[in-house]
Amino acid sequence: MRSTFLAGTAALLTSSGALAAPLFAQPGGVSASCSIDTNQPKELAMMSLQFQQAKAAQSPEQRKKMLMAMTKELDTKPERYAKNAAGYQYTLSEVLKQWAMEPGLPVAPTRGSLGFVTNPTEPIDLVDAMDAAYKAITVAAPACENEIKAQRQNEVWLAQTQAALTASNNNQLDSADFYAKRSLKLADNAYPHYVLANVANARGDKKAAVMHWKHVVQRAGADTNYRDLKSGSMYYIAMTQFEMANGAQGTEQQTMAREAAASLKELLAVNPENPEAANLMGSWADALIMAKDTAAIAETYAAVIAAPDKATDITATMGGVIATRANKADDALKLFEIAVQRNPNARDALRNLAATYYAKDKFKEMFEPTRKLVAIDPNNYDGWMMFAYAAQGLGRSAKLPAEKKAWTDSLVKYQTYADKMPVKVDVAGFTRGSKSASLTLALELVAATGGPYDVTAEFLDAAGNVVVAGTESSGPLKKGERKEVTIKAEGTNITGYRYKPLK
């Protein structure tokens, strides 16, 4: 389950305002309660000037020389700064940060190579050292905790985070894991957790992946900068929990399924216009069945019934299918009627509406959706048989012999027509996007000979107007052979289709 968000995340990070913190806080602090004085003792005040000079140095060699001098000064007799621990640690953190930004520097250079006088041959991980300095600041100046949180999301954090995202995007799992954990040392942010979730998922550790995706959601909060990241994480949580439930047994499956159902419910509540809403509704219902909580199934489509104007024909049709499976025929009827209201050319909704009328012995009501159905899908056997079923039902309830005979004649007429169609068609797939659509029809030759067939489909807007049409040949067919034909089209506002009868 690779991320679809990683490619754009680095750009979002670089445009973030989180890094706009001052290099040194002045006496009086950066807020009313936070006060960090970098002017006492005088060595710190001098270092503030030296730091600015180092940043403006004309060459890397000159800059490194100045940084080494500052590091040496900070590491020589640190007891001189005991009375201003916050100012000392803040200054140290800035010097460490500048070192960490030096190109070509290893992850853990020797202390001596940076100017430290104590333990010069030991390695120093600059991210660990920065983390320790930030922790020391908040101990010395607890009121500055929020300011230091902002300071942690600095250029070094950004570099580690971008490295993690890039590695994850390139499926370099070890590197992604390494840099994400380093990023987390500096700032417990949504991005590294997202990377760690992807890494864990790729390694098959579903529980760890879900844990980190939950961290993403929690850390993202209501910040719109993380909207897509949060939405994606919620989707992955729900679907991974659902996948885990499918692979479990007994009480463990029930527990996991309840968790998946709760996550799917939350996901749809937060983003009801999710393009995958219908599929998510179906998974939610399946999760409730696994959890043995069938009483809650009506919740999966309750929003559609409550606000039909906000539903799509696809979500309403899925709701109807769920209700049908749960033996809630009244709900199913409402939902299929909503679907047809939302899209009069919705083939699946029309077919299911007619079938639901039949199940509720509403035989006369079957005719209107069935007429629309066969106009859209004229070579579908089941569509024409809907007329036969309606006639059969009306014949059973007829009182007069002549009336019974009339309905029996209709039954035979439509069944004969369905049986003698030279080629039968099943709709194997219909996808519609904002600028394109695709219809796949499965043709089965019933007659002894026939074909090839030129299959023409018209793609319709919500009002039933033809947006665009396309034709594809079936090629040669043999009796009993089944062959798929796909017709693709470019056009906007496509919501339905119809194909011309094959004779």
Protein backbone atom coordinates (compact mmCIF):
# COMPACT_ATOMS: atom_id res chain seq x y z
CA MET A 1 0.00 0.00 0.00
CA ARG A 2 2.19 2.79 -1.30
CA SER A 3 1.50 6.40 -0.51
CA THR A 4 -0.08 8.63 -3.11
CA PHE A 5 0.89 11.68 -1.07
CA LEU A 6 4.66 11.34 -0.79
CA ALA A 7 5.53 13.00 -4.06
CA GLY A 8 3.94 16.28 -3.08
CA THR A 9 4.85 16.29 0.58
CA ALA A 10 8.37 17.69 0.25
CA ALA A 11 7.06 20.74 -1.57
CA LEU A 12 4.52 21.26 1.19
CA LEU A 13 7.21 21.06 3.82
CA THR A 14 9.45 23.61 2.16
CA SER A 15 6.60 26.08 1.93
CA SER A 16 5.65 25.59 5.58
CA GLY A 17 5.87 28.53 7.92
CA ALA A 18 7.01 26.32 10.78
CA LEU A 19 10.71 27.17 10.29
CA ALA A 20 10.40 30.92 10.64
CA ALA A 21 11.88 31.11 14.12
CA PRO A 22 14.53 33.65 15.22
CA LEU A 23 18.11 32.46 15.43
CA PHE A 24 18.45 33.78 18.93
CA ALA A 25 15.75 34.85 21.36
CA GLN A 26 16.38 38.27 22.81
CA PRO A 27 16.10 39.16 26.51
CA GLY A 28 12.42 39.19 27.36
CA GLY A 29 11.85 36.03 25.25
CA VAL A 30 9.76 35.21 22.24
CA SER A 31 6.48 35.32 24.14
CA ALA A 32 5.07 36.89 27.25
CA SER A 33 6.04 33.89 29.39
CA CYS A 34 9.16 32.55 27.66
CA SER A 35 12.46 34.29 28.41
CA ILE A 36 15.85 33.10 27.13
CA ASP A 37 18.72 35.51 27.54
CA THR A 38 21.61 34.90 25.11
CA ASN A 39 23.57 37.97 26.27
CA GLN A 40 24.77 36.63 29.63
CA PRO A 41 27.57 35.92 30.31
CA LYS A 42 29.51 38.05 27.85
CA GLU A 43 30.87 34.96 26.05
CA LEU A 44 27.34 34.16 24.85
CA ALA A 45 26.81 37.72 23.68
CA MET A 46 30.05 37.56 21.66
CA MET A 47 29.01 34.23 20.22
CA SER A 48 25.77 35.69 18.89
CA LEU A 49 27.80 38.06 16.73
CA GLN A 50 30.23 35.31 15.71
CA PHE A 51 27.33 33.12 14.67
CA GLN A 52 25.99 35.77 12.30
CA GLN A 53 29.48 36.19 10.86
CA ALA A 54 29.77 32.44 10.33
CA LYS A 55 26.50 32.32 8.43
CA ALA A 56 27.72 35.14 6.20
CA ALA A 57 31.13 33.55 5.60
CA GLN A 58 32.41 33.68 2.01
CA SER A 59 33.62 30.07 1.92
CA PRO A 60 32.76 26.75 3.61
CA GLU A 61 36.26 26.60 5.05
CA GLN A 62 35.90 29.99 6.71
CA ARG A 63 32.46 29.09 8.06
CA LYS A 64 33.68 25.78 9.51
CA LYS A 65 36.62 27.54 11.14
CA MET A 66 34.27 29.96 12.88
CA LEU A 67 31.92 27.16 13.94
CA MET A 68 34.82 25.17 15.38
CA ALA A 69 35.89 28.18 17.42
CA MET A 70 32.38 28.57 18.79
CA THR A 71 32.08 24.86 19.60
CA LYS A 72 35.42 24.99 21.41
CA GLU A 73 34.32 28.03 23.40
CA LEU A 74 31.07 26.35 24.44
CA ASP A 75 32.86 23.13 25.44
CA THR A 76 35.62 24.87 27.41
CA LYS A 77 34.72 25.35 31.08
CA PRO A 78 30.93 24.99 30.55
CA GLU A 79 30.52 25.81 34.26
CA ARG A 80 30.89 29.45 33.22
CA TYR A 81 27.34 29.24 31.85
CA ALA A 82 25.77 27.50 34.85
CA LYS A 83 23.75 30.56 35.82
CA ASN A 84 22.18 30.75 32.35
CA ALA A 85 21.60 27.15 31.35
CA ALA A 86 18.78 28.04 28.97
CA GLY A 87 20.87 30.63 27.11
CA TYR A 88 23.84 28.25 26.93
CA GLN A 89 21.79 25.28 25.62
CA TYR A 90 19.99 27.50 23.13
CA THR A 91 23.27 28.78 21.73
CA LEU A 92 24.65 25.23 21.62
CA SER A 93 21.56 24.01 19.78
CA GLU A 94 22.02 26.69 17.10
CA VAL A 95 25.69 25.82 16.60
CA LEU A 96 24.84 22.11 16.39
CA LYS A 97 22.09 22.89 13.90
CA GLN A 98 24.51 24.83 11.71
CA TRP A 99 26.99 21.97 11.83
CA ALA A 100 24.26 19.50 10.88
CA MET A 101 23.46 21.61 7.82
CA GLU A 102 27.03 21.43 6.53
CA PRO A 103 27.08 19.44 3.27
CA GLY A 104 29.08 16.22 3.22
CA LEU A 105 29.22 15.85 7.00
CA PRO A 106 28.74 12.24 8.18
CA VAL A 107 25.84 11.29 10.43
CA ALA A 108 28.14 10.94 13.42
CA PRO A 109 31.44 12.85 12.97
CA THR A 110 34.05 12.82 15.70
CA ARG A 111 33.61 15.45 18.38
CA GLY A 112 37.08 16.82 17.73
CA SER A 113 36.31 17.45 14.04
CA LEU A 114 33.64 19.91 15.17
CA GLY A 115 35.81 21.65 17.73
CA PHE A 116 34.82 19.87 20.93
CA VAL A 117 37.73 19.63 23.34
CA THR A 118 36.32 16.86 25.56
CA ASN A 119 36.40 13.29 24.27
CA PRO A 120 37.55 14.46 20.83
CA THR A 121 37.76 10.96 19.28
CA GLU A 122 34.21 9.94 20.18
CA PRO A 123 31.46 10.15 17.52
CA ILE A 124 28.63 12.61 18.02
CA ASP A 125 25.24 12.20 16.41
CA LEU A 126 24.19 15.78 15.76
CA VAL A 127 20.48 14.98 15.79
CA ASP A 128 20.84 13.31 19.20
CA ALA A 129 22.92 16.22 20.44
CA MET A 130 20.35 18.78 19.24
CA ASP A 131 17.57 16.77 20.88
CA ALA A 132 19.50 16.75 24.16
CA ALA A 133 20.06 20.51 23.97
CA TYR A 134 16.36 21.21 23.33
CA LYS A 135 15.39 19.01 26.26
CA ALA A 136 17.86 20.85 28.47
CA ILE A 137 16.34 24.21 27.44
CA THR A 138 12.84 23.15 28.47
CA VAL A 139 14.18 21.88 31.80
CA ALA A 140 15.87 25.21 32.45
CA ALA A 141 13.00 27.30 31.04
CA PRO A 142 9.74 25.29 31.20
CA ALA A 143 7.70 28.26 29.98
CA CYS A 144 9.49 28.00 26.63
CA GLU A 145 8.26 24.49 25.81
CA ASN A 146 6.00 25.62 22.95
CA GLU A 147 8.68 27.86 21.46
CA ILE A 148 11.19 25.02 21.54
CA LYS A 149 8.69 22.72 19.85
CA ALA A 150 8.63 25.23 17.00
CA GLN A 151 12.43 25.46 17.01
CA ARG A 152 12.67 21.69 16.61
CA GLN A 153 10.96 21.89 13.21
CA ASN A 154 14.02 23.52 11.71
CA GLU A 155 16.13 23.00 8.60
CA VAL A 156 17.75 19.86 10.02
CA TRP A 157 14.38 18.33 10.81
CA LEU A 158 13.22 19.26 7.33
CA ALA A 159 16.22 17.58 5.73
CA GLN A 160 15.68 14.35 7.70
CA THR A 161 11.97 14.36 6.90
CA GLN A 162 12.49 14.97 3.20
CA ALA A 163 15.10 12.20 3.10
CA ALA A 164 12.62 9.83 4.75
CA LEU A 165 9.85 10.76 2.32
CA THR A 166 12.11 10.40 -0.70
CA ALA A 167 13.40 7.01 0.44
CA SER A 168 9.86 5.80 1.11
CA ASN A 169 8.73 6.98 -2.30
CA ASN A 170 11.59 4.99 -3.85
CA ASN A 171 10.76 1.92 -1.74
CA GLN A 172 14.10 2.16 0.09
CA LEU A 173 12.66 0.85 3.33
CA ASP A 174 15.79 0.80 5.51
CA SER A 175 16.70 4.37 4.61
CA ALA A 176 13.12 5.55 5.05
CA ASP A 177 12.97 3.96 8.49
CA PHE A 178 16.34 5.46 9.48
CA TYR A 179 15.57 9.03 8.47
CA ALA A 180 12.00 8.96 9.76
CA LYS A 181 13.20 7.96 13.22
CA ARG A 182 15.79 10.73 13.15
CA SER A 183 13.07 13.17 12.15
CA LEU A 184 10.97 12.04 15.11
CA LYS A 185 13.83 12.75 17.51
CA LEU A 186 13.62 16.40 16.55
CA ALA A 187 9.83 16.78 16.17
CA ASP A 188 7.00 14.31 16.77
CA ASN A 189 5.24 15.27 13.57
CA ALA A 190 2.72 13.61 11.24
CA TYR A 191 5.13 13.12 8.31
CA PRO A 192 7.67 10.72 9.86
CA HIS A 193 4.84 8.65 11.32
CA TYR A 194 3.35 8.42 7.84
CA VAL A 195 6.65 7.13 6.49
CA LEU A 196 7.02 4.63 9.35
CA ALA A 197 3.49 3.40 8.68
CA ASN A 198 4.33 2.81 5.01
CA VAL A 199 7.56 1.02 5.97
CA ALA A 200 5.78 -1.21 8.50
CA ASN A 201 3.03 -1.99 6.01
CA ALA A 202 5.55 -2.88 3.29
CA ARG A 203 7.28 -5.22 5.74
CA GLY A 204 3.98 -6.92 6.60
CA ASP A 205 3.71 -5.50 10.12
CA LYS A 206 0.08 -4.38 9.86
CA LYS A 207 -0.36 -3.58 13.56
CA ALA A 208 2.63 -1.24 13.59
CA ALA A 209 1.40 0.38 10.38
CA VAL A 210 -2.02 1.07 11.90
CA MET A 211 -0.38 2.46 15.04
CA HIS A 212 1.67 4.97 13.05
CA TRP A 213 -1.26 5.95 10.81
CA LYS A 214 -3.20 6.67 14.00
CA HIS A 215 -0.32 8.88 15.14
CA VAL A 216 -0.59 10.75 11.83
CA VAL A 217 -4.29 11.41 12.40
CA GLN A 218 -3.69 12.54 15.97
CA ARG A 219 -0.80 14.85 15.12
CA ALA A 220 -2.51 16.26 12.05
CA GLY A 221 -5.50 17.37 14.08
CA ALA A 222 -7.48 20.08 12.33
CA ASP A 223 -4.48 21.53 10.49
CA THR A 224 -5.52 21.85 6.84
CA ASN A 225 -1.87 21.50 5.74
CA TYR A 226 -2.21 17.82 6.63
CA ARG A 227 -5.69 17.31 5.15
CA ASP A 228 -4.70 14.82 2.44
CA LEU A 229 -2.18 13.09 4.68
CA LYS A 230 -4.79 12.69 7.42
CA SER A 231 -7.49 11.52 5.02
CA GLY A 232 -5.15 8.98 3.45
CA SER A 233 -4.09 7.68 6.84
CA MET A 234 -7.69 7.27 7.96
CA TYR A 235 -8.38 5.31 4.78
CA TYR A 236 -5.36 3.05 5.31
CA ILE A 237 -6.29 2.48 8.98
CA ALA A 238 -9.80 1.37 8.06
CA MET A 239 -8.84 -0.84 5.13
CA THR A 240 -5.90 -2.44 6.93
CA GLN A 241 -8.05 -3.21 9.95
CA PHE A 242 -10.66 -4.69 7.60
CA GLU A 243 -7.98 -6.78 5.90
CA MET A 244 -6.69 -8.00 9.27
CA ALA A 245 -10.22 -8.91 10.37
CA ASN A 246 -10.73 -10.95 7.21
CA GLY A 247 -7.62 -12.94 8.06
CA ALA A 248 -8.58 -13.60 11.69
CA GLN A 249 -10.90 -16.12 13.31
CA GLY A 250 -13.34 -16.29 16.20
CA THR A 251 -13.39 -13.61 18.87
CA GLU A 252 -10.22 -12.06 17.48
CA GLN A 253 -11.99 -11.52 14.17
CA GLN A 254 -14.98 -9.96 15.91
CA THR A 255 -12.77 -7.55 17.82
CA MET A 256 -10.81 -6.53 14.72
CA ALA A 257 -13.99 -6.22 12.69
CA ARG A 258 -15.52 -3.88 15.29
CA GLU A 259 -12.41 -1.71 15.09
CA ALA A 260 -12.57 -1.70 11.28
CA ALA A 261 -16.27 -0.81 11.33
CA ALA A 262 -15.64 2.10 13.70
CA SER A 263 -12.79 3.37 11.50
CA LEU A 264 -14.89 3.10 8.33
CA LYS A 265 -17.75 4.94 10.01
CA GLU A 266 -15.42 7.74 11.10
CA LEU A 267 -13.82 7.97 7.66
CA LEU A 268 -17.18 8.38 5.93
CA ALA A 269 -18.35 10.88 8.54
CA VAL A 270 -15.27 13.04 8.00
CA ASN A 271 -15.28 12.72 4.21
CA PRO A 272 -18.74 11.71 2.95
CA GLU A 273 -17.83 12.80 -0.59
CA ASN A 274 -14.95 10.33 -0.77
CA PRO A 275 -14.91 8.91 -4.32
CA GLU A 276 -14.64 5.47 -2.71
CA ALA A 277 -17.68 6.12 -0.47
CA ALA A 278 -19.81 3.32 -1.97
CA ASN A 279 -17.05 0.73 -1.59
CA LEU A 280 -16.37 1.95 1.95
CA MET A 281 -20.05 1.54 2.81
CA GLY A 282 -19.88 -2.04 1.54
CA SER A 283 -16.77 -2.78 3.59
CA TRP A 284 -18.38 -1.19 6.66
CA ALA A 285 -21.40 -3.48 6.30
CA ASP A 286 -19.16 -6.53 5.82
CA ALA A 287 -17.18 -5.55 8.93
CA LEU A 288 -20.39 -5.33 10.97
CA ILE A 289 -21.41 -8.77 9.75
CA MET A 290 -18.02 -10.17 10.81
CA ALA A 291 -18.41 -8.42 14.16
CA LYS A 292 -21.85 -10.04 14.51
CA ASP A 293 -23.39 -6.62 14.88
CA THR A 294 -26.00 -6.85 12.14
CA ALA A 295 -28.35 -4.58 14.12
CA ALA A 296 -26.04 -1.68 13.24
CA ILE A 297 -26.06 -2.31 9.49
CA ALA A 298 -28.71 0.34 8.89
CA GLU A 299 -26.15 2.93 10.08
CA THR A 300 -24.12 2.34 6.92
CA TYR A 301 -26.78 3.91 4.70
CA ALA A 302 -28.65 6.06 7.24
CA ALA A 303 -27.05 9.28 5.94
CA VAL A 304 -28.33 8.57 2.42
CA ILE A 305 -31.92 8.18 3.61
CA ALA A 306 -31.61 11.20 5.91
CA ALA A 307 -30.19 13.49 3.22
CA PRO A 308 -30.95 12.03 -0.23
CA ASP A 309 -30.05 15.29 -1.97
CA LYS A 310 -26.47 14.90 -0.76
CA ALA A 311 -26.18 11.29 -1.94
CA THR A 312 -24.99 10.03 -5.29
CA ASP A 313 -26.74 7.34 -7.28
CA ILE A 314 -23.72 5.11 -6.56
CA THR A 315 -23.89 5.45 -2.76
CA ALA A 316 -27.67 5.11 -2.77
CA THR A 317 -27.44 1.94 -4.91
CA MET A 318 -24.81 0.48 -2.59
CA GLY A 319 -27.02 1.31 0.38
CA GLY A 320 -29.87 -0.52 -1.30
CA VAL A 321 -27.70 -3.58 -1.93
CA ILE A 322 -26.63 -3.59 1.72
CA ALA A 323 -30.23 -3.27 2.90
CA THR A 324 -31.32 -6.09 0.59
CA ARG A 325 -28.65 -8.39 1.97
CA ALA A 326 -29.78 -7.50 5.50
CA ASN A 327 -33.39 -8.34 4.59
CA LYS A 328 -34.48 -4.73 5.07
CA ALA A 329 -36.67 -4.52 1.98
CA ASP A 330 -38.36 -1.23 2.91
CA ASP A 331 -35.00 0.49 3.30
CA ALA A 332 -33.75 -1.08 0.07
CA LEU A 333 -36.76 0.25 -1.82
CA LYS A 334 -36.22 3.79 -0.49
CA LEU A 335 -32.56 3.67 -1.42
CA PHE A 336 -33.04 2.37 -4.96
CA GLU A 337 -35.74 4.99 -5.52
CA ILE A 338 -33.30 7.66 -4.31
CA ALA A 339 -30.65 6.31 -6.68
CA VAL A 340 -32.99 6.56 -9.68
CA GLN A 341 -34.06 10.05 -8.63
CA ARG A 342 -30.42 11.11 -8.46
CA ASN A 343 -29.64 9.50 -11.84
CA PRO A 344 -32.53 8.30 -14.04
CA ASN A 345 -30.01 6.49 -16.28
CA ALA A 346 -28.36 4.47 -13.52
CA ARG A 347 -28.64 0.97 -14.94
CA ASP A 348 -27.83 -0.90 -11.70
CA ALA A 349 -30.27 1.21 -9.71
CA LEU A 350 -33.08 0.62 -12.22
CA ARG A 351 -32.46 -3.11 -12.25
CA ASN A 352 -32.38 -3.35 -8.46
CA LEU A 353 -35.45 -1.14 -8.11
CA ALA A 354 -37.45 -3.41 -10.40
CA ALA A 355 -36.24 -6.49 -8.51
CA THR A 356 -37.17 -4.91 -5.17
CA TYR A 357 -40.66 -4.07 -6.41
CA TYR A 358 -40.99 -7.75 -7.37
CA ALA A 359 -39.83 -8.87 -3.91
CA LYS A 360 -42.50 -6.65 -2.34
CA ASP A 361 -45.23 -7.86 -4.75
CA LYS A 362 -45.43 -4.41 -6.36
CA PHE A 363 -45.72 -5.90 -9.84
CA LYS A 364 -47.27 -2.92 -11.63
CA GLU A 365 -44.50 -0.65 -10.32
CA MET A 366 -41.93 -2.90 -12.02
CA PHE A 367 -42.82 -1.74 -15.52
CA GLU A 368 -41.52 1.84 -15.43
CA PRO A 369 -37.96 1.07 -14.24
CA THR A 370 -37.85 -2.02 -16.47
CA ARG A 371 -38.75 0.01 -19.58
CA LYS A 372 -35.92 2.41 -18.77
CA LEU A 373 -33.62 -0.52 -18.05
CA VAL A 374 -34.07 -2.25 -21.42
CA ALA A 375 -33.66 1.08 -23.22
CA ILE A 376 -30.22 1.33 -21.62
CA ASP A 377 -29.29 -2.36 -21.68
CA PRO A 378 -31.36 -3.84 -24.55
CA ASN A 379 -29.59 -7.18 -24.91
CA ASN A 380 -29.58 -8.14 -21.26
CA TYR A 381 -31.56 -11.33 -20.62
CA ASP A 382 -32.48 -10.45 -17.01
CA GLY A 383 -33.82 -7.05 -18.03
CA TRP A 384 -36.43 -8.49 -20.38
CA MET A 385 -37.26 -11.20 -17.87
CA MET A 386 -38.31 -8.46 -15.44
CA PHE A 387 -41.35 -7.92 -17.70
CA ALA A 388 -42.04 -11.67 -17.54
CA TYR A 389 -41.81 -11.70 -13.74
CA ALA A 390 -44.13 -8.71 -13.47
CA ALA A 391 -46.65 -10.38 -15.75
CA GLN A 392 -46.38 -13.60 -13.76
CA GLY A 393 -47.06 -11.78 -10.49
CA LEU A 394 -50.02 -9.90 -11.91
CA GLY A 395 -51.39 -13.10 -13.43
CA ARG A 396 -51.33 -14.83 -10.05
CA SER A 397 -53.45 -12.09 -8.50
CA ALA A 398 -55.86 -11.72 -11.44
CA LYS A 399 -59.48 -12.66 -10.76
CA LEU A 400 -60.93 -13.07 -14.24
CA PRO A 401 -59.85 -15.89 -16.61
CA ALA A 402 -59.37 -13.46 -19.49
CA GLU A 403 -57.14 -11.27 -17.35
CA LYS A 404 -55.10 -14.26 -16.24
CA LYS A 405 -54.68 -15.34 -19.87
CA ALA A 406 -53.57 -11.87 -20.92
CA TRP A 407 -50.85 -11.77 -18.30
CA THR A 408 -49.82 -15.35 -19.15
CA ASP A 409 -49.51 -14.34 -22.80
CA SER A 410 -47.33 -11.40 -21.75
CA LEU A 411 -45.15 -13.68 -19.65
CA VAL A 412 -44.63 -16.02 -22.63
CA LYS A 413 -44.01 -13.10 -24.97
CA TYR A 414 -41.24 -11.56 -22.90
CA GLN A 415 -39.65 -14.87 -21.95
CA THR A 416 -39.60 -15.92 -25.59
CA TYR A 417 -38.05 -12.60 -26.59
CA ALA A 418 -35.37 -12.97 -23.91
CA ASP A 419 -34.61 -16.57 -24.89
CA LYS A 420 -34.36 -15.83 -28.64
CA MET A 421 -32.06 -12.82 -28.55
CA PRO A 422 -29.20 -13.75 -30.94
CA VAL A 423 -26.61 -12.27 -28.61
CA LYS A 424 -26.84 -11.70 -24.86
CA VAL A 425 -24.97 -8.92 -23.14
CA ASP A 426 -23.83 -8.47 -19.54
CA VAL A 427 -22.44 -5.17 -18.33
CA ALA A 428 -19.00 -6.18 -17.04
CA GLY A 429 -17.95 -2.71 -15.95
CA PHE A 430 -18.71 0.99 -16.12
CA THR A 431 -16.37 3.66 -14.81
CA ARG A 432 -16.89 7.38 -15.01
CA GLY A 433 -14.45 10.14 -14.23
CA SER A 434 -14.55 13.90 -14.44
CA LYS A 435 -13.36 13.87 -18.06
CA SER A 436 -13.75 10.31 -19.31
CA ALA A 437 -15.78 7.13 -19.11
CA SER A 438 -15.37 3.47 -20.00
CA LEU A 439 -17.99 0.77 -20.61
CA THR A 440 -17.15 -2.93 -20.85
CA LEU A 441 -19.80 -5.28 -22.27
CA ALA A 442 -19.54 -9.06 -22.26
CA LEU A 443 -21.15 -10.51 -25.42
CA GLU A 444 -22.30 -14.13 -25.65
CA LEU A 445 -23.48 -15.49 -29.01
CA VAL A 446 -26.69 -17.50 -28.59
CA ALA A 447 -27.57 -17.94 -32.28
CA ALA A 448 -25.85 -20.55 -34.41
CA THR A 449 -24.02 -17.87 -36.34
CA GLY A 450 -23.53 -14.14 -36.00
CA GLY A 451 -21.09 -11.33 -35.73
CA PRO A 452 -18.85 -9.61 -35.82
CA TYR A 453 -20.93 -6.95 -34.07
CA ASP A 454 -20.23 -3.23 -34.12
CA VAL A 455 -21.10 -2.22 -30.57
CA THR A 456 -22.08 1.45 -30.24
CA ALA A 457 -22.47 3.06 -26.83
CA GLU A 458 -23.77 6.54 -26.10
CA PHE A 459 -22.51 8.20 -22.91
CA LEU A 460 -25.12 10.37 -21.21
CA ASP A 461 -25.25 13.32 -18.82
CA ALA A 462 -27.69 13.55 -15.89
CA ALA A 463 -30.46 14.87 -18.16
CA GLY A 464 -30.06 11.96 -20.57
CA ASN A 465 -28.34 13.98 -23.29
CA VAL A 466 -25.65 12.26 -25.34
CA VAL A 467 -22.24 13.67 -24.37
CA VAL A 468 -20.21 11.46 -26.68
CA ALA A 469 -20.53 8.12 -28.46
CA GLY A 470 -18.10 5.37 -29.37
CA THR A 471 -18.09 2.15 -31.38
CA GLU A 472 -15.95 -0.98 -31.07
CA SER A 473 -16.13 -4.26 -32.97
CA SER A 474 -16.62 -7.56 -31.20
CA GLY A 475 -14.63 -9.42 -33.80
CA PRO A 476 -15.69 -12.92 -34.86
CA LEU A 477 -17.91 -14.88 -32.43
CA LYS A 478 -18.79 -18.55 -32.13
CA LYS A 479 -21.95 -19.99 -30.58
CA GLY A 480 -21.60 -20.03 -26.79
CA GLU A 481 -18.46 -17.93 -26.92
CA ARG A 482 -18.20 -14.97 -24.51
CA LYS A 483 -16.11 -11.94 -25.47
CA GLU A 484 -15.64 -8.56 -23.82
CA VAL A 485 -15.77 -5.26 -25.69
CA THR A 486 -14.60 -2.03 -24.06
CA ILE A 487 -15.71 1.37 -25.34
CA LYS A 488 -13.83 4.37 -24.00
CA ALA A 489 -14.81 7.99 -24.37
CA GLU A 490 -13.58 11.44 -23.43
CA GLY A 491 -16.18 13.86 -22.09
CA THR A 492 -17.32 15.76 -19.02
CA ASN A 493 -20.37 15.23 -16.79
CA ILE A 494 -20.93 11.64 -17.94
CA THR A 495 -23.25 9.85 -15.50
CA GLY A 496 -24.72 7.03 -17.58
CA TYR A 497 -24.82 5.19 -20.89
CA ARG A 498 -26.92 3.18 -23.29
CA TYR A 499 -25.88 0.89 -26.12
CA LYS A 500 -27.67 0.19 -29.37
CA PRO A 501 -29.46 -3.16 -29.65
CA LEU A 502 -27.48 -6.02 -31.18
CA LYS A 503 -29.59 -8.04 -33.65
